[in-house]
Amino acid sequence: MRSSKREMRTRIATAEDFGRVAVLLGGSSSERKVSLETGTAVLTALVKRGVDASAWDPAEHGMRHFPDRGFDRVWIALHGAGGEDGSMQGALQCLGTPYSGSGVMASALAMDKIRSKHLFRAVGVNTPDFEVIRAAEEAGDAAARLGYPLVLKPACQGSSVGMSKVFDESQLGAAAKLALGFGEPAIVERCITGDEITVAVLQGEALPSIRIVTPRIFYDYHAKYEADTTRYFCPGTDASALETQYRDLAMRAFEALGCSGWGRVDLMAGNDGELQVLEVNTVPGMTSHSLVPMAAKVAGIDFAELCWRILETSFARAREMPAMGVAANDA
């Protein structure tokens, strides 16, 4: 499912061309705190660039009165369920309000780690072996088939919420219950030993890779958003051929799910030399610890320009909406 024509940037010259912009932030998912930080940072950057932008928290205001505010487009800064899984994208699609980032189906697929992994395999993108469980009692059989160490995680959460790294049977039960505590099913995945790499995608181009090094057991929520001991290397390698492999694989995974606009692809470079895709994030964090702004800075794109360019992606969505409306009327 590789795109024959890669996405191109739509350049917007003046802030007035964006019209009135809503930055959707907060929400009611397990990632609300990070979303508030992301949205606040984005809103501040847009306002400084002269954009007529306002915050809108669906958890506080709902969406019933959203159309009455006269927003022309939306910068989606919602992480997790209700904002990153296609549901908000679908609501905005019905309202005819253009929004940043991926569309309904791509957002839903990327959020669903099980279906995204099936799609990766279907197009020849390597991803770690895994088993699906719906009860903690099933984890033992999955572990027997996969072998230790393992990673257990909810099928539809982000920011490493509910995720555990398991080294032996004594840790398995608690990890399974934690993952399933966010809803079933959950994933039991073979743990890949090697370098953790992430590659941001912006308007059809892969940004420099980042190699992540943490003293913690794995790159968990604390390491991502709270710790000052996590180290980042960008680009993730000084070998140009390997950097090209990282970027090419990231674009293949991004396009396999039909993603567009911007996002981030998480990879593992195994000690055996094999590259494996873990997942695609369609609304990555934009906090002080976040990876996309870090990669953009190395590429010569400051934070305010990055927020502007992500807002530009809403124009591609706007071009699709009239065509969808005609199809619906013709049905």
Protein backbone atom coordinates (compact mmCIF):
# COMPACT_ATOMS: atom_id res chain seq x y z
CA MET A 1 0.00 0.00 0.00
CA ARG A 2 2.84 2.38 -0.75
CA SER A 3 1.76 5.73 -2.14
CA SER A 4 2.76 6.27 -5.75
CA LYS A 5 2.90 10.01 -5.20
CA ARG A 6 4.34 11.28 -1.95
CA GLU A 7 2.54 14.02 -0.05
CA MET A 8 3.65 17.57 -0.83
CA ARG A 9 3.67 20.62 1.40
CA THR A 10 0.93 23.24 1.06
CA ARG A 11 2.63 26.53 1.90
CA ILE A 12 0.61 29.19 3.70
CA ALA A 13 2.16 32.65 3.58
CA THR A 14 0.14 34.70 6.08
CA ALA A 15 -1.53 33.98 9.41
CA GLU A 16 -4.81 35.43 8.12
CA ASP A 17 -5.05 32.61 5.58
CA PHE A 18 -5.65 30.14 8.40
CA GLY A 19 -8.74 31.97 9.60
CA ARG A 20 -9.96 31.17 13.11
CA VAL A 21 -8.14 28.16 14.55
CA ALA A 22 -9.16 25.89 17.42
CA VAL A 23 -6.39 24.02 19.21
CA LEU A 24 -8.09 20.93 20.61
CA LEU A 25 -6.35 19.90 23.82
CA GLY A 26 -6.91 18.02 27.06
CA GLY A 27 -9.71 15.57 26.45
CA SER A 28 -10.57 12.70 28.76
CA SER A 29 -8.05 10.02 27.81
CA SER A 30 -5.28 8.65 30.01
CA GLU A 31 -2.95 11.08 28.22
CA ARG A 32 -4.87 14.23 29.19
CA LYS A 33 -1.95 15.78 31.11
CA VAL A 34 0.44 15.44 28.18
CA SER A 35 -2.22 16.74 25.78
CA LEU A 36 -2.69 19.88 27.87
CA GLU A 37 1.05 20.50 27.74
CA THR A 38 1.18 19.85 24.01
CA GLY A 39 -1.83 22.04 23.27
CA THR A 40 -0.65 24.92 25.44
CA ALA A 41 2.76 24.95 23.78
CA VAL A 42 1.21 24.82 20.30
CA LEU A 43 -1.33 27.54 21.09
CA THR A 44 1.38 29.86 22.44
CA ALA A 45 3.52 29.32 19.34
CA LEU A 46 0.66 29.95 16.91
CA VAL A 47 -0.49 33.12 18.67
CA LYS A 48 3.07 34.46 18.62
CA ARG A 49 3.10 33.91 14.86
CA GLY A 50 -0.07 35.98 14.55
CA VAL A 51 -2.57 33.14 14.12
CA ASP A 52 -6.08 33.77 15.50
CA ALA A 53 -6.03 30.63 17.66
CA SER A 54 -8.00 29.61 20.75
CA ALA A 55 -7.99 26.55 23.01
CA TRP A 56 -10.91 24.11 23.08
CA ASP A 57 -11.01 21.27 25.59
CA PRO A 58 -13.65 18.68 24.64
CA ALA A 59 -13.68 17.33 28.19
CA GLU A 60 -14.83 20.72 29.51
CA HIS A 61 -16.92 22.07 26.67
CA GLY A 62 -17.92 19.00 24.67
CA MET A 63 -18.41 19.40 20.92
CA ARG A 64 -22.10 20.32 20.82
CA HIS A 65 -21.46 24.06 20.71
CA PHE A 66 -18.19 23.84 18.80
CA PRO A 67 -19.78 24.74 15.42
CA ASP A 68 -21.22 27.93 16.94
CA ARG A 69 -17.73 29.35 17.54
CA GLY A 70 -17.04 29.75 13.83
CA PHE A 71 -13.67 28.04 13.70
CA ASP A 72 -12.23 27.63 10.20
CA ARG A 73 -9.85 24.79 11.02
CA VAL A 74 -8.46 22.72 13.88
CA TRP A 75 -5.00 21.88 15.20
CA ILE A 76 -5.55 18.52 16.93
CA ALA A 77 -3.41 18.27 20.07
CA LEU A 78 -5.44 15.49 21.67
CA HIS A 79 -3.53 12.31 22.55
CA GLY A 80 -5.06 8.87 22.98
CA ALA A 81 -8.68 7.78 22.84
CA GLY A 82 -11.14 10.40 21.67
CA GLY A 83 -8.54 12.45 19.85
CA GLU A 84 -5.99 10.24 18.17
CA ASP A 85 -8.14 7.24 17.30
CA GLY A 86 -10.24 8.65 14.47
CA SER A 87 -13.31 9.57 16.51
CA MET A 88 -12.56 13.30 16.69
CA GLN A 89 -11.38 13.26 13.10
CA GLY A 90 -14.74 11.72 12.14
CA ALA A 91 -16.67 14.36 14.06
CA LEU A 92 -14.76 17.18 12.40
CA GLN A 93 -15.20 15.52 9.02
CA CYS A 94 -18.97 15.53 9.55
CA LEU A 95 -18.84 19.19 10.56
CA GLY A 96 -16.83 20.03 7.45
CA THR A 97 -14.04 21.52 9.56
CA PRO A 98 -10.51 20.84 8.24
CA TYR A 99 -8.02 19.50 10.79
CA SER A 100 -4.33 18.75 11.07
CA GLY A 101 -2.76 15.36 10.54
CA SER A 102 -4.12 12.00 9.47
CA GLY A 103 -7.69 11.20 8.47
CA VAL A 104 -10.27 9.01 10.14
CA MET A 105 -9.18 5.56 8.99
CA ALA A 106 -5.43 6.13 9.28
CA SER A 107 -5.85 7.54 12.79
CA ALA A 108 -7.94 4.54 13.86
CA LEU A 109 -5.49 2.04 12.36
CA ALA A 110 -2.43 3.65 13.92
CA MET A 111 -4.07 3.72 17.35
CA ASP A 112 -4.95 0.02 17.07
CA LYS A 113 -1.59 -1.68 17.54
CA ILE A 114 -2.93 -5.09 16.55
CA ARG A 115 -4.38 -4.08 13.20
CA SER A 116 -1.43 -1.84 12.41
CA LYS A 117 0.95 -4.74 12.98
CA HIS A 118 -1.12 -6.94 10.67
CA LEU A 119 -0.90 -4.25 7.99
CA PHE A 120 2.85 -3.87 8.47
CA ARG A 121 3.30 -7.55 7.85
CA ALA A 122 1.01 -7.50 4.84
CA VAL A 123 3.24 -4.95 3.07
CA GLY A 124 6.54 -6.47 4.18
CA VAL A 125 7.39 -4.09 7.02
CA ASN A 126 9.08 -6.01 9.84
CA THR A 127 7.44 -5.79 13.26
CA PRO A 128 8.16 -7.84 16.41
CA ASP A 129 6.33 -11.17 16.82
CA PHE A 130 3.30 -10.87 19.07
CA GLU A 131 0.30 -12.59 20.59
CA VAL A 132 -3.09 -11.11 21.45
CA ILE A 133 -4.60 -11.79 24.89
CA ARG A 134 -8.02 -11.00 26.32
CA ALA A 135 -7.47 -12.34 29.84
CA ALA A 136 -4.44 -12.40 32.13
CA GLU A 137 -4.56 -16.20 32.19
CA GLU A 138 -3.70 -16.27 28.48
CA ALA A 139 -0.37 -14.51 28.98
CA GLY A 140 1.43 -17.68 30.09
CA ASP A 141 0.75 -19.54 26.85
CA ALA A 142 1.73 -16.48 24.84
CA ALA A 143 4.99 -16.19 26.77
CA ALA A 144 5.75 -19.87 26.19
CA ARG A 145 5.43 -19.37 22.45
CA LEU A 146 7.37 -16.10 22.27
CA GLY A 147 10.01 -16.50 24.98
CA TYR A 148 11.40 -13.90 27.39
CA PRO A 149 11.99 -10.97 27.57
CA LEU A 150 8.58 -9.66 26.56
CA VAL A 151 6.70 -6.39 26.32
CA LEU A 152 3.06 -6.27 27.42
CA LYS A 153 0.91 -3.29 26.46
CA PRO A 154 -2.69 -2.26 25.83
CA ALA A 155 -3.74 -2.52 22.21
CA CYS A 156 -5.06 1.05 22.01
CA GLN A 157 -3.08 3.35 24.29
CA GLY A 158 -0.15 5.70 23.72
CA SER A 159 2.71 7.28 25.69
CA SER A 160 3.66 3.81 27.02
CA VAL A 161 0.57 3.90 29.27
CA GLY A 162 -0.05 0.43 30.75
CA MET A 163 3.16 -0.94 29.27
CA SER A 164 5.62 -3.30 31.03
CA LYS A 165 8.83 -5.08 30.16
CA VAL A 166 8.79 -8.62 31.52
CA PHE A 167 11.90 -10.74 32.07
CA ASP A 168 10.43 -13.86 33.66
CA GLU A 169 7.23 -15.61 34.68
CA SER A 170 7.12 -13.97 38.12
CA GLN A 171 6.42 -10.58 36.49
CA LEU A 172 3.96 -11.79 33.87
CA GLY A 173 0.66 -11.81 35.76
CA ALA A 174 0.91 -8.27 37.09
CA ALA A 175 1.99 -6.94 33.68
CA ALA A 176 -0.94 -8.65 31.95
CA LYS A 177 -3.43 -7.24 34.46
CA LEU A 178 -1.97 -3.75 34.03
CA ALA A 179 -2.21 -3.88 30.24
CA LEU A 180 -5.74 -5.31 30.30
CA GLY A 181 -6.77 -2.69 32.85
CA PHE A 182 -7.03 -0.22 29.96
CA GLY A 183 -9.43 -2.49 28.09
CA GLU A 184 -9.04 -5.69 26.15
CA PRO A 185 -7.38 -6.97 24.13
CA ALA A 186 -3.73 -6.47 25.02
CA ILE A 187 -0.52 -7.38 23.23
CA VAL A 188 2.26 -9.69 24.34
CA GLU A 189 5.21 -8.81 22.13
CA ARG A 190 8.71 -10.21 21.75
CA CYS A 191 11.15 -7.70 23.20
CA ILE A 192 13.80 -6.60 20.71
CA THR A 193 17.23 -5.94 22.19
CA GLY A 194 19.02 -3.05 20.53
CA ASP A 195 18.72 0.66 19.85
CA GLU A 196 15.39 2.43 20.15
CA ILE A 197 14.94 4.78 17.20
CA THR A 198 12.18 7.22 16.33
CA VAL A 199 11.63 9.06 13.06
CA ALA A 200 9.31 12.03 12.68
CA VAL A 201 7.41 12.61 9.45
CA LEU A 202 6.36 16.06 8.27
CA GLN A 203 4.51 16.80 5.03
CA GLY A 204 5.80 13.81 3.11
CA GLU A 205 9.38 13.92 4.39
CA ALA A 206 11.17 12.01 7.14
CA LEU A 207 13.10 14.20 9.59
CA PRO A 208 16.45 13.14 11.11
CA SER A 209 16.18 10.04 13.28
CA ILE A 210 16.61 10.11 17.06
CA ARG A 211 18.28 7.37 19.10
CA ILE A 212 16.93 7.16 22.65
CA VAL A 213 19.00 6.03 25.62
CA THR A 214 17.42 5.71 29.06
CA PRO A 215 18.81 4.31 32.33
CA ARG A 216 15.34 2.95 33.09
CA ILE A 217 14.18 -0.55 32.17
CA PHE A 218 12.59 0.85 29.04
CA TYR A 219 11.45 4.18 27.55
CA ASP A 220 8.36 4.46 29.74
CA TYR A 221 6.04 7.37 30.57
CA HIS A 222 8.45 8.73 33.20
CA ALA A 223 11.42 8.55 30.83
CA LYS A 224 9.40 10.28 28.09
CA TYR A 225 7.88 13.18 29.99
CA GLU A 226 9.43 13.60 33.42
CA ALA A 227 13.02 12.33 33.64
CA ASP A 228 16.06 14.45 32.88
CA THR A 229 18.29 11.38 32.63
CA THR A 230 17.03 10.24 29.22
CA ARG A 231 19.56 11.01 26.48
CA TYR A 232 18.76 11.70 22.84
CA PHE A 233 21.07 11.53 19.84
CA CYS A 234 19.91 13.23 16.63
CA PRO A 235 20.61 12.02 14.03
CA GLY A 236 20.43 8.59 15.59
CA THR A 237 23.44 7.37 13.65
CA ASP A 238 26.44 8.92 11.90
CA ALA A 239 26.28 6.25 9.20
CA SER A 240 24.45 7.83 6.26
CA ALA A 241 23.38 4.49 4.78
CA LEU A 242 21.79 3.42 8.06
CA GLU A 243 20.11 6.79 8.49
CA THR A 244 18.59 6.34 5.04
CA GLN A 245 17.31 2.90 6.07
CA TYR A 246 15.68 4.39 9.18
CA ARG A 247 13.94 7.10 7.19
CA ASP A 248 12.83 4.82 4.37
CA LEU A 249 11.37 2.25 6.76
CA ALA A 250 9.56 4.97 8.70
CA MET A 251 7.97 6.32 5.53
CA ARG A 252 6.92 2.81 4.44
CA ALA A 253 5.21 2.19 7.78
CA PHE A 254 3.59 5.65 7.80
CA GLU A 255 2.21 5.21 4.29
CA ALA A 256 1.14 1.60 4.90
CA LEU A 257 -1.48 2.87 7.36
CA GLY A 258 -2.52 5.71 5.06
CA CYS A 259 -1.18 8.36 7.44
CA SER A 260 -0.62 11.92 6.29
CA GLY A 261 0.40 15.36 7.46
CA TRP A 262 2.70 14.59 10.32
CA GLY A 263 3.46 11.90 12.85
CA ARG A 264 6.19 9.76 14.35
CA VAL A 265 7.29 6.19 13.70
CA ASP A 266 8.98 4.19 16.48
CA LEU A 267 11.51 1.55 15.50
CA MET A 268 13.94 -0.90 17.05
CA ALA A 269 17.35 -1.50 15.52
CA GLY A 270 18.04 -4.97 16.86
CA ASN A 271 21.48 -6.13 17.87
CA ASP A 272 21.07 -8.71 15.08
CA GLY A 273 21.02 -5.86 12.56
CA GLU A 274 17.32 -6.18 11.75
CA LEU A 275 15.06 -3.12 11.83
CA GLN A 276 11.57 -3.56 13.29
CA VAL A 277 8.66 -1.10 13.40
CA LEU A 278 6.91 -0.85 16.77
CA GLU A 279 4.11 1.62 16.00
CA VAL A 280 3.05 4.85 14.34
CA ASN A 281 1.88 7.88 16.33
CA THR A 282 -0.42 10.26 14.47
CA VAL A 283 -0.51 12.99 17.16
CA PRO A 284 2.88 12.83 18.90
CA GLY A 285 3.71 14.96 21.91
CA MET A 286 4.87 18.54 21.49
CA THR A 287 6.14 19.13 25.04
CA SER A 288 9.58 20.23 26.24
CA HIS A 289 10.66 16.55 26.27
CA SER A 290 9.08 15.65 22.93
CA LEU A 291 10.84 14.07 19.99
CA VAL A 292 9.26 15.67 16.92
CA PRO A 293 10.36 19.23 17.89
CA MET A 294 13.83 17.84 18.61
CA ALA A 295 14.17 16.30 15.14
CA ALA A 296 12.66 19.38 13.51
CA LYS A 297 15.22 21.63 15.22
CA VAL A 298 18.08 19.55 13.81
CA ALA A 299 16.43 19.90 10.39
CA GLY A 300 16.41 23.70 10.82
CA ILE A 301 12.74 24.05 11.76
CA ASP A 302 12.07 25.89 15.02
CA PHE A 303 9.08 25.10 17.23
CA ALA A 304 6.84 27.93 16.00
CA GLU A 305 7.54 27.04 12.35
CA LEU A 306 6.82 23.37 13.11
CA CYS A 307 3.42 24.25 14.61
CA TRP A 308 2.69 26.46 11.58
CA ARG A 309 3.61 23.68 9.15
CA ILE A 310 1.47 21.13 10.98
CA LEU A 311 -1.45 23.55 10.74
CA GLU A 312 -0.75 23.78 7.00
CA THR A 313 -1.63 20.07 6.75
CA SER A 314 -5.28 20.98 7.39
CA PHE A 315 -5.46 22.42 3.87
CA ALA A 316 -4.92 18.99 2.35
CA ARG A 317 -7.80 17.74 4.49
CA ALA A 318 -9.96 20.67 3.31
CA ARG A 319 -9.42 19.67 -0.32
CA GLU A 320 -10.75 16.18 0.40
CA MET A 321 -13.95 17.29 2.14
CA PRO A 322 -15.93 18.69 -0.82
CA ALA A 323 -15.28 15.51 -2.79
CA MET A 324 -16.58 13.42 0.09
CA GLY A 325 -19.68 15.59 0.29
CA VAL A 326 -20.46 15.13 -3.39
CA ALA A 327 -20.11 11.38 -3.02
CA ALA A 328 -22.51 11.36 -0.09
CA ASN A 329 -25.07 13.44 -1.99
CA ASP A 330 -24.84 11.17 -5.01
CA ALA A 331 -25.44 8.04 -2.97
